[in-house]
C-alpha atoms as a PDB file:
ATOM      1  CA  UNK A   1     -52.655  15.231 -31.887  1.00  0.00           C
ATOM      2  CA  UNK A   2     -49.533  16.604 -33.739  1.00  0.00           C
ATOM      3  CA  UNK A   3     -49.036  18.982 -30.946  1.00  0.00           C
ATOM      4  CA  UNK A   4     -48.843  16.149 -28.260  1.00  0.00           C
ATOM      5  CA  UNK A   5     -46.497  14.102 -30.484  1.00  0.00           C
ATOM      6  CA  UNK A   6     -44.234  17.136 -30.837  1.00  0.00           C
ATOM      7  CA  UNK A   7     -44.175  17.721 -27.078  1.00  0.00           C
ATOM      8  CA  UNK A   8     -43.478  14.065 -26.456  1.00  0.00           C
ATOM      9  CA  UNK A   9     -40.537  14.143 -28.870  1.00  0.00           C
ATOM     10  CA  UNK A  10     -39.227  17.328 -27.261  1.00  0.00           C
ATOM     11  CA  UNK A  11     -39.308  15.638 -23.730  1.00  0.00           C
ATOM     12  CA  UNK A  12     -37.518  12.563 -25.127  1.00  0.00           C
ATOM     13  CA  UNK A  13     -34.864  14.694 -26.734  1.00  0.00           C
ATOM     14  CA  UNK A  14     -34.462  16.733 -23.487  1.00  0.00           C
ATOM     15  CA  UNK A  15     -34.121  13.582 -21.398  1.00  0.00           C
ATOM     16  CA  UNK A  16     -31.596  12.130 -23.881  1.00  0.00           C
ATOM     17  CA  UNK A  17     -29.542  15.296 -23.894  1.00  0.00           C
ATOM     18  CA  UNK A  18     -29.607  15.448 -20.034  1.00  0.00           C
ATOM     19  CA  UNK A  19     -28.448  11.786 -19.843  1.00  0.00           C
ATOM     20  CA  UNK A  20     -25.680  12.311 -22.319  1.00  0.00           C
ATOM     21  CA  UNK A  21     -24.420  15.311 -20.326  1.00  0.00           C
ATOM     22  CA  UNK A  22     -24.665  13.295 -17.050  1.00  0.00           C
ATOM     23  CA  UNK A  23     -22.628  10.347 -18.521  1.00  0.00           C
ATOM     24  CA  UNK A  24     -20.043  12.784 -20.051  1.00  0.00           C
ATOM     25  CA  UNK A  25     -19.667  14.281 -16.611  1.00  0.00           C
ATOM     26  CA  UNK A  26     -19.264  10.942 -14.832  1.00  0.00           C
ATOM     27  CA  UNK A  27     -16.736   9.850 -17.446  1.00  0.00           C
ATOM     28  CA  UNK A  28     -14.731  13.038 -17.201  1.00  0.00           C
ATOM     29  CA  UNK A  29     -14.701  12.791 -13.396  1.00  0.00           C
ATOM     30  CA  UNK A  30     -13.537   9.178 -13.559  1.00  0.00           C
ATOM     31  CA  UNK A  31     -10.669  10.013 -15.918  1.00  0.00           C
ATOM     32  CA  UNK A  32      -9.687  12.950 -13.718  1.00  0.00           C
ATOM     33  CA  UNK A  33      -9.656  10.673 -10.671  1.00  0.00           C
ATOM     34  CA  UNK A  34      -7.637   7.959 -12.282  1.00  0.00           C
ATOM     35  CA  UNK A  35      -4.961  10.335 -13.744  1.00  0.00           C
ATOM     36  CA  UNK A  36      -4.767  13.203 -11.229  1.00  0.00           C
ATOM     37  CA  UNK A  37      -5.878  11.963  -7.751  1.00  0.00           C
ATOM     38  CA  UNK A  38      -4.626   8.485  -7.713  1.00  0.00           C
ATOM     39  CA  UNK A  39      -0.915   8.118  -7.241  1.00  0.00           C
ATOM     40  CA  UNK A  40       0.979   7.374 -10.363  1.00  0.00           C
ATOM     41  CA  UNK A  41       2.577   3.929 -10.625  1.00  0.00           C
ATOM     42  CA  UNK A  42       6.302   4.561 -10.458  1.00  0.00           C
ATOM     43  CA  UNK A  43       9.224   2.313 -10.699  1.00  0.00           C
ATOM     44  CA  UNK A  44       9.236   0.557  -7.370  1.00  0.00           C
ATOM     45  CA  UNK A  45      12.445  -1.293  -7.636  1.00  0.00           C
ATOM     46  CA  UNK A  46      15.689   0.596  -6.965  1.00  0.00           C
ATOM     47  CA  UNK A  47      19.067  -1.001  -7.594  1.00  0.00           C
ATOM     48  CA  UNK A  48      21.720   0.321  -5.285  1.00  0.00           C
ATOM     49  CA  UNK A  49      25.468  -0.273  -5.332  1.00  0.00           C
ATOM     50  CA  UNK A  50      27.042  -0.479  -1.825  1.00  0.00           C
ATOM     51  CA  UNK A  51      30.767  -0.996  -2.337  1.00  0.00           C
ATOM     52  CA  UNK A  52      31.030  -4.119  -4.428  1.00  0.00           C
ATOM     53  CA  UNK A  53      27.579  -5.375  -3.489  1.00  0.00           C
ATOM     54  CA  UNK A  54      24.358  -4.732  -5.386  1.00  0.00           C
ATOM     55  CA  UNK A  55      21.210  -4.468  -3.281  1.00  0.00           C
ATOM     56  CA  UNK A  56      17.594  -4.204  -4.402  1.00  0.00           C
ATOM     57  CA  UNK A  57      15.205  -1.915  -2.593  1.00  0.00           C
ATOM     58  CA  UNK A  58      11.469  -2.647  -2.621  1.00  0.00           C
ATOM     59  CA  UNK A  59       8.963  -0.293  -0.846  1.00  0.00           C
ATOM     60  CA  UNK A  60       6.204  -1.982   1.095  1.00  0.00           C
ATOM     61  CA  UNK A  61       3.650   0.322  -0.525  1.00  0.00           C
ATOM     62  CA  UNK A  62       0.752   1.491   1.539  1.00  0.00           C
ATOM     63  CA  UNK A  63       1.392   2.068   5.263  1.00  0.00           C
ATOM     64  CA  UNK A  64       0.182  -0.440   7.814  1.00  0.00           C
ATOM     65  CA  UNK A  65      -1.899   0.704  10.737  1.00  0.00           C
ATOM     66  CA  UNK A  66      -2.237  -1.928  13.626  1.00  0.00           C
ATOM     67  CA  UNK A  67      -3.863  -1.962  17.015  1.00  0.00           C
ATOM     68  CA  UNK A  68      -1.399  -2.895  19.698  1.00  0.00           C
ATOM     69  CA  UNK A  69      -1.790  -5.303  22.508  1.00  0.00           C
ATOM     70  CA  UNK A  70      -1.966  -2.589  25.199  1.00  0.00           C
ATOM     71  CA  UNK A  71      -4.627  -3.388  27.875  1.00  0.00           C
ATOM     72  CA  UNK A  72      -4.952  -0.151  29.649  1.00  0.00           C
ATOM     73  CA  UNK A  73      -5.491   2.127  26.641  1.00  0.00           C
ATOM     74  CA  UNK A  74      -6.233   1.725  22.869  1.00  0.00           C
ATOM     75  CA  UNK A  75      -2.913   2.127  21.157  1.00  0.00           C
ATOM     76  CA  UNK A  76      -1.701   1.614  17.637  1.00  0.00           C
ATOM     77  CA  UNK A  77       1.338   1.688  15.468  1.00  0.00           C
ATOM     78  CA  UNK A  78       1.520   3.154  11.944  1.00  0.00           C
ATOM     79  CA  UNK A  79       4.533   1.988   9.931  1.00  0.00           C
ATOM     80  CA  UNK A  80       5.918   1.691   6.408  1.00  0.00           C
ATOM     81  CA  UNK A  81       9.232   0.353   5.332  1.00  0.00           C
ATOM     82  CA  UNK A  82      11.481  -0.480   2.429  1.00  0.00           C
ATOM     83  CA  UNK A  83      12.839  -3.989   2.049  1.00  0.00           C
ATOM     84  CA  UNK A  84      16.474  -4.472   1.054  1.00  0.00           C
ATOM     85  CA  UNK A  85      16.889  -7.627  -0.984  1.00  0.00           C
ATOM     86  CA  UNK A  86      19.794  -9.614  -2.369  1.00  0.00           C
ATOM     87  CA  UNK A  87      18.636 -10.228  -5.986  1.00  0.00           C
ATOM     88  CA  UNK A  88      16.099  -9.488  -8.644  1.00  0.00           C
ATOM     89  CA  UNK A  89      14.669 -13.063  -8.150  1.00  0.00           C
ATOM     90  CA  UNK A  90      14.044 -12.385  -4.448  1.00  0.00           C
ATOM     91  CA  UNK A  91      12.544  -9.087  -5.377  1.00  0.00           C
ATOM     92  CA  UNK A  92      10.056 -10.755  -7.750  1.00  0.00           C
ATOM     93  CA  UNK A  93       9.290 -13.429  -5.095  1.00  0.00           C
ATOM     94  CA  UNK A  94       8.574 -10.791  -2.432  1.00  0.00           C
ATOM     95  CA  UNK A  95       6.361  -8.870  -4.884  1.00  0.00           C
ATOM     96  CA  UNK A  96       4.303 -12.035  -5.478  1.00  0.00           C
ATOM     97  CA  UNK A  97       3.995 -12.522  -1.763  1.00  0.00           C
ATOM     98  CA  UNK A  98       3.425  -8.932  -0.723  1.00  0.00           C
ATOM     99  CA  UNK A  99      -0.058  -9.737   0.773  1.00  0.00           C
ATOM    100  CA  UNK A 100       1.626 -12.466   2.906  1.00  0.00           C
ATOM    101  CA  UNK A 101       4.386 -10.060   3.903  1.00  0.00           C
ATOM    102  CA  UNK A 102       1.873  -7.474   5.045  1.00  0.00           C
ATOM    103  CA  UNK A 103      -0.112 -10.119   6.932  1.00  0.00           C
ATOM    104  CA  UNK A 104       3.130 -11.166   8.776  1.00  0.00           C
ATOM    105  CA  UNK A 105       3.925  -7.553   9.740  1.00  0.00           C
ATOM    106  CA  UNK A 106       0.382  -7.134  11.088  1.00  0.00           C
ATOM    107  CA  UNK A 107       0.529 -10.409  13.044  1.00  0.00           C
ATOM    108  CA  UNK A 108       3.870  -9.454  14.575  1.00  0.00           C
ATOM    109  CA  UNK A 109       2.728  -5.928  15.528  1.00  0.00           C
ATOM    110  CA  UNK A 110      -0.487  -7.152  17.119  1.00  0.00           C
ATOM    111  CA  UNK A 111       1.489  -9.040  19.713  1.00  0.00           C
ATOM    112  CA  UNK A 112       3.369  -5.981  20.819  1.00  0.00           C
ATOM    113  CA  UNK A 113       2.434  -3.272  23.293  1.00  0.00           C
ATOM    114  CA  UNK A 114       3.428   0.339  23.003  1.00  0.00           C
ATOM    115  CA  UNK A 115       6.201   0.052  25.638  1.00  0.00           C
ATOM    116  CA  UNK A 116       7.951  -2.741  23.674  1.00  0.00           C
ATOM    117  CA  UNK A 117       8.058  -0.542  20.496  1.00  0.00           C
ATOM    118  CA  UNK A 118       9.310   2.638  22.052  1.00  0.00           C
ATOM    119  CA  UNK A 119      12.980   3.514  21.735  1.00  0.00           C
ATOM    120  CA  UNK A 120      15.813   2.163  19.608  1.00  0.00           C
ATOM    121  CA  UNK A 121      15.848  -1.314  21.114  1.00  0.00           C
ATOM    122  CA  UNK A 122      12.116  -1.871  20.390  1.00  0.00           C
ATOM    123  CA  UNK A 123      12.575  -0.615  16.841  1.00  0.00           C
ATOM    124  CA  UNK A 124      15.496  -2.878  16.272  1.00  0.00           C
ATOM    125  CA  UNK A 125      13.773  -5.777  17.762  1.00  0.00           C
ATOM    126  CA  UNK A 126      10.609  -5.295  15.594  1.00  0.00           C
ATOM    127  CA  UNK A 127      12.914  -4.881  12.548  1.00  0.00           C
ATOM    128  CA  UNK A 128      14.668  -8.160  13.242  1.00  0.00           C
ATOM    129  CA  UNK A 129      11.435 -10.080  13.876  1.00  0.00           C
ATOM    130  CA  UNK A 130       9.928  -8.839  10.558  1.00  0.00           C
ATOM    131  CA  UNK A 131      13.240  -9.626   8.630  1.00  0.00           C
ATOM    132  CA  UNK A 132      13.266 -13.176  10.060  1.00  0.00           C
ATOM    133  CA  UNK A 133       9.614 -13.770   9.398  1.00  0.00           C
ATOM    134  CA  UNK A 134       9.950 -12.620   5.712  1.00  0.00           C
ATOM    135  CA  UNK A 135      13.039 -14.731   5.241  1.00  0.00           C
ATOM    136  CA  UNK A 136      11.206 -17.787   6.584  1.00  0.00           C
ATOM    137  CA  UNK A 137       8.485 -17.601   3.916  1.00  0.00           C
ATOM    138  CA  UNK A 138      11.024 -17.120   1.013  1.00  0.00           C
ATOM    139  CA  UNK A 139      11.901 -20.362  -0.822  1.00  0.00           C
ATOM    140  CA  UNK A 140      15.226 -18.838  -2.090  1.00  0.00           C
ATOM    141  CA  UNK A 141      17.044 -15.508  -1.641  1.00  0.00           C
ATOM    142  CA  UNK A 142      16.910 -13.419   1.416  1.00  0.00           C
ATOM    143  CA  UNK A 143      15.973 -10.067   2.889  1.00  0.00           C
ATOM    144  CA  UNK A 144      19.120  -8.224   3.942  1.00  0.00           C
ATOM    145  CA  UNK A 145      17.605  -5.325   5.855  1.00  0.00           C
ATOM    146  CA  UNK A 146      14.521  -3.290   6.417  1.00  0.00           C
ATOM    147  CA  UNK A 147      14.540   0.522   6.453  1.00  0.00           C
ATOM    148  CA  UNK A 148      11.514   2.020   8.353  1.00  0.00           C
ATOM    149  CA  UNK A 149      10.288   5.073   6.352  1.00  0.00           C
ATOM    150  CA  UNK A 150       7.329   5.727   8.743  1.00  0.00           C
ATOM    151  CA  UNK A 151       7.095   4.479  12.315  1.00  0.00           C
ATOM    152  CA  UNK A 152       4.668   6.135  14.767  1.00  0.00           C
ATOM    153  CA  UNK A 153       3.362   4.655  18.037  1.00  0.00           C
ATOM    154  CA  UNK A 154       0.395   6.424  19.535  1.00  0.00           C
END
């Protein structure tokens, strides 16, 4: 009887040690993922002096990938941009509305086909539409410009 109790205790200890090792490995992998693989949160706002004027730059964040309205072939646009703002208050408002800004960009891009977006004229037209749409949702302040940092039509 003592032999069975000793074996049962040994099995319980072995299972407990294995579980502890497993959870330690999961914890270590999670910490590694959070600190090494995920991008580090950096200062997203850049204050720029242009002559006498102060401008605030706010990156959009993750790129946007949108299907285009082409009927003959499946096409899409991948874009990312930085928003140029007039004040810190506007920057805070745009940050609060970033989901709405991204939705506006997606909605605008879905109505375009690949031919409309090709070339400088298409690029400028899209820039102006996005700029106007963002300014329309802002209660105060304004977007001065948009700098495309990634723009690929395929």
